[in-house]
Amino acid sequence: MKKENSKIVSLCPVCNVTSHVDYQPFCSRRCADKDLLKWLNGEYYIPGIELLDLDDNGGDGGIDN
């Protein structure tokens, strides 16, 4: 973010131009869609611990009776 005429202006995280009010924090729909595509393709992710499937009934989630 930069300060411009006593207002705080945020920059688009994709292309680093001034963000637009309608697409905050992005400058355009195009940049917002580019960012979403990176999430959907796995380029962005939140690190965590991989959970193992410890299901005893074949992994279908059902209850054995």
N, C-alpha and C. Protein backbone atom coordinates (compact mmCIF):
# COMPACT_ATOMS: atom_id res chain seq x y z
N MET A 1 0.85 -1.18 0.00
CA MET A 1 0.00 0.00 0.00
C MET A 1 0.89 1.24 0.00
N LYS A 2 0.40 2.26 -0.66
CA LYS A 2 1.11 3.54 -0.64
C LYS A 2 0.14 4.65 -0.28
N LYS A 3 0.69 5.74 0.19
CA LYS A 3 -0.14 6.86 0.61
C LYS A 3 -0.14 7.90 -0.50
N GLU A 4 -1.32 8.33 -0.92
CA GLU A 4 -1.45 9.28 -2.02
C GLU A 4 -2.49 10.32 -1.64
N ASN A 5 -2.05 11.58 -1.50
CA ASN A 5 -2.95 12.68 -1.12
C ASN A 5 -3.74 12.36 0.14
N SER A 6 -3.07 11.91 1.16
CA SER A 6 -3.63 11.55 2.47
C SER A 6 -4.64 10.42 2.42
N LYS A 7 -4.70 9.68 1.31
CA LYS A 7 -5.52 8.48 1.22
C LYS A 7 -4.59 7.28 1.06
N ILE A 8 -4.96 6.17 1.62
CA ILE A 8 -4.18 4.96 1.45
C ILE A 8 -4.67 4.26 0.19
N VAL A 9 -3.74 3.98 -0.71
CA VAL A 9 -4.06 3.33 -1.97
C VAL A 9 -3.43 1.95 -1.95
N SER A 10 -4.24 0.93 -2.23
CA SER A 10 -3.68 -0.42 -2.27
C SER A 10 -3.35 -0.78 -3.71
N LEU A 11 -2.38 -1.66 -3.85
CA LEU A 11 -1.96 -2.11 -5.16
C LEU A 11 -2.47 -3.51 -5.42
N CYS A 12 -2.79 -3.78 -6.67
CA CYS A 12 -3.27 -5.09 -7.08
C CYS A 12 -2.18 -6.13 -6.81
N PRO A 13 -2.49 -7.24 -6.13
CA PRO A 13 -1.47 -8.25 -5.84
C PRO A 13 -1.02 -9.02 -7.08
N VAL A 14 -1.73 -8.90 -8.19
CA VAL A 14 -1.36 -9.63 -9.40
C VAL A 14 -0.44 -8.80 -10.29
N CYS A 15 -0.81 -7.53 -10.54
CA CYS A 15 -0.04 -6.72 -11.50
C CYS A 15 0.56 -5.45 -10.91
N ASN A 16 0.32 -5.18 -9.65
CA ASN A 16 0.90 -4.04 -8.92
C ASN A 16 0.47 -2.66 -9.42
N VAL A 17 -0.70 -2.54 -10.02
CA VAL A 17 -1.24 -1.22 -10.33
C VAL A 17 -2.28 -0.87 -9.28
N THR A 18 -2.71 0.36 -9.24
CA THR A 18 -3.67 0.81 -8.23
C THR A 18 -4.95 -0.02 -8.33
N SER A 19 -5.41 -0.52 -7.19
CA SER A 19 -6.62 -1.34 -7.18
C SER A 19 -7.86 -0.49 -7.40
N HIS A 20 -8.90 -1.13 -7.87
CA HIS A 20 -10.16 -0.45 -8.18
C HIS A 20 -11.17 -0.81 -7.10
N VAL A 21 -11.99 0.14 -6.71
CA VAL A 21 -12.97 -0.05 -5.64
C VAL A 21 -13.88 -1.24 -5.90
N ASP A 22 -14.31 -1.43 -7.15
CA ASP A 22 -15.25 -2.51 -7.47
C ASP A 22 -14.62 -3.90 -7.39
N TYR A 23 -13.27 -3.98 -7.44
CA TYR A 23 -12.61 -5.29 -7.48
C TYR A 23 -11.60 -5.46 -6.36
N GLN A 24 -11.70 -4.70 -5.30
CA GLN A 24 -10.74 -4.75 -4.18
C GLN A 24 -10.42 -6.19 -3.81
N PRO A 25 -9.19 -6.56 -3.60
CA PRO A 25 -7.97 -5.77 -3.67
C PRO A 25 -7.35 -5.73 -5.06
N PHE A 26 -8.09 -6.18 -6.08
CA PHE A 26 -7.55 -6.25 -7.44
C PHE A 26 -7.89 -4.99 -8.21
N CYS A 27 -7.26 -4.83 -9.38
CA CYS A 27 -7.51 -3.65 -10.22
C CYS A 27 -8.62 -3.92 -11.23
N SER A 28 -8.88 -5.18 -11.54
CA SER A 28 -9.87 -5.50 -12.56
C SER A 28 -10.41 -6.92 -12.35
N ARG A 29 -11.46 -7.23 -13.06
CA ARG A 29 -12.04 -8.58 -13.02
C ARG A 29 -11.02 -9.60 -13.55
N ARG A 30 -10.23 -9.18 -14.54
CA ARG A 30 -9.23 -10.06 -15.13
C ARG A 30 -8.21 -10.52 -14.07
N CYS A 31 -7.70 -9.59 -13.28
CA CYS A 31 -6.73 -9.94 -12.24
C CYS A 31 -7.38 -10.78 -11.14
N ALA A 32 -8.62 -10.49 -10.80
CA ALA A 32 -9.34 -11.29 -9.80
C ALA A 32 -9.50 -12.72 -10.30
N ASP A 33 -9.84 -12.88 -11.59
CA ASP A 33 -9.99 -14.22 -12.16
C ASP A 33 -8.65 -14.95 -12.25
N LYS A 34 -7.58 -14.22 -12.56
CA LYS A 34 -6.24 -14.84 -12.61
C LYS A 34 -5.87 -15.40 -11.24
N ASP A 35 -6.15 -14.62 -10.20
CA ASP A 35 -5.84 -15.05 -8.84
C ASP A 35 -6.67 -16.28 -8.45
N LEU A 36 -7.95 -16.29 -8.78
CA LEU A 36 -8.82 -17.42 -8.49
C LEU A 36 -8.33 -18.67 -9.21
N LEU A 37 -7.91 -18.52 -10.45
CA LEU A 37 -7.41 -19.66 -11.23
C LEU A 37 -6.16 -20.26 -10.59
N LYS A 38 -5.32 -19.42 -10.01
CA LYS A 38 -4.12 -19.94 -9.31
C LYS A 38 -4.52 -20.78 -8.11
N TRP A 39 -5.55 -20.36 -7.37
CA TRP A 39 -6.04 -21.16 -6.24
C TRP A 39 -6.60 -22.49 -6.74
N LEU A 40 -7.41 -22.43 -7.80
CA LEU A 40 -8.06 -23.65 -8.31
C LEU A 40 -7.07 -24.63 -8.92
N ASN A 41 -5.96 -24.14 -9.47
CA ASN A 41 -4.94 -25.01 -10.06
C ASN A 41 -3.93 -25.51 -9.04
N GLY A 42 -4.04 -25.06 -7.78
CA GLY A 42 -3.14 -25.53 -6.73
C GLY A 42 -1.83 -24.76 -6.67
N GLU A 43 -1.71 -23.65 -7.40
CA GLU A 43 -0.50 -22.84 -7.32
C GLU A 43 -0.41 -22.13 -5.98
N TYR A 44 -1.55 -21.76 -5.42
CA TYR A 44 -1.63 -21.23 -4.07
C TYR A 44 -2.24 -22.32 -3.20
N TYR A 45 -1.77 -22.45 -2.00
CA TYR A 45 -2.37 -23.39 -1.06
C TYR A 45 -2.01 -22.99 0.35
N ILE A 46 -2.77 -23.48 1.29
CA ILE A 46 -2.50 -23.24 2.69
C ILE A 46 -1.83 -24.49 3.23
N PRO A 47 -0.57 -24.38 3.67
CA PRO A 47 0.14 -25.57 4.15
C PRO A 47 -0.53 -26.17 5.38
N GLY A 48 -0.42 -27.45 5.48
CA GLY A 48 -0.99 -28.15 6.61
C GLY A 48 -0.47 -29.58 6.66
N ILE A 49 -0.97 -30.34 7.57
CA ILE A 49 -0.56 -31.73 7.74
C ILE A 49 -1.49 -32.61 6.91
N GLU A 50 -0.93 -33.53 6.15
CA GLU A 50 -1.73 -34.45 5.36
C GLU A 50 -2.37 -35.46 6.31
N LEU A 51 -3.68 -35.62 6.21
CA LEU A 51 -4.40 -36.55 7.05
C LEU A 51 -4.49 -37.90 6.35
N LEU A 52 -4.24 -38.94 7.10
CA LEU A 52 -4.34 -40.29 6.56
C LEU A 52 -5.76 -40.81 6.72
N ASP A 53 -6.19 -41.65 5.79
CA ASP A 53 -7.51 -42.27 5.88
C ASP A 53 -7.41 -43.46 6.82
N LEU A 54 -7.92 -43.30 8.04
CA LEU A 54 -7.83 -44.35 9.05
C LEU A 54 -9.13 -45.11 9.18
N ASP A 55 -9.96 -45.05 8.16
CA ASP A 55 -11.25 -45.71 8.15
C ASP A 55 -11.05 -47.23 8.06
N ASP A 56 -11.65 -48.00 8.97
CA ASP A 56 -11.47 -49.46 9.00
C ASP A 56 -12.43 -50.21 8.09
N ASN A 57 -13.37 -49.55 7.46
CA ASN A 57 -14.38 -50.26 6.69
C ASN A 57 -14.23 -50.03 5.18
N GLY A 58 -13.03 -49.99 4.71
CA GLY A 58 -12.82 -49.88 3.27
C GLY A 58 -12.84 -48.46 2.75
N GLY A 59 -12.97 -47.48 3.60
CA GLY A 59 -12.89 -46.10 3.18
C GLY A 59 -14.17 -45.51 2.61
N ASP A 60 -15.31 -46.23 2.72
CA ASP A 60 -16.52 -45.67 2.14
C ASP A 60 -17.29 -44.78 3.11
N GLY A 61 -16.84 -44.69 4.36
CA GLY A 61 -17.47 -43.83 5.34
C GLY A 61 -18.71 -44.41 5.99
N GLY A 62 -19.10 -45.59 5.57
CA GLY A 62 -20.29 -46.22 6.14
C GLY A 62 -19.99 -46.89 7.46
N ILE A 63 -21.04 -47.34 8.15
CA ILE A 63 -20.90 -48.01 9.44
C ILE A 63 -21.11 -49.51 9.23
N ASP A 64 -20.14 -50.30 9.75
CA ASP A 64 -20.28 -51.76 9.66
C ASP A 64 -21.17 -52.26 10.79
N ASN A 65 -22.15 -53.06 10.46
CA ASN A 65 -23.02 -53.66 11.48
C ASN A 65 -22.88 -55.15 11.46
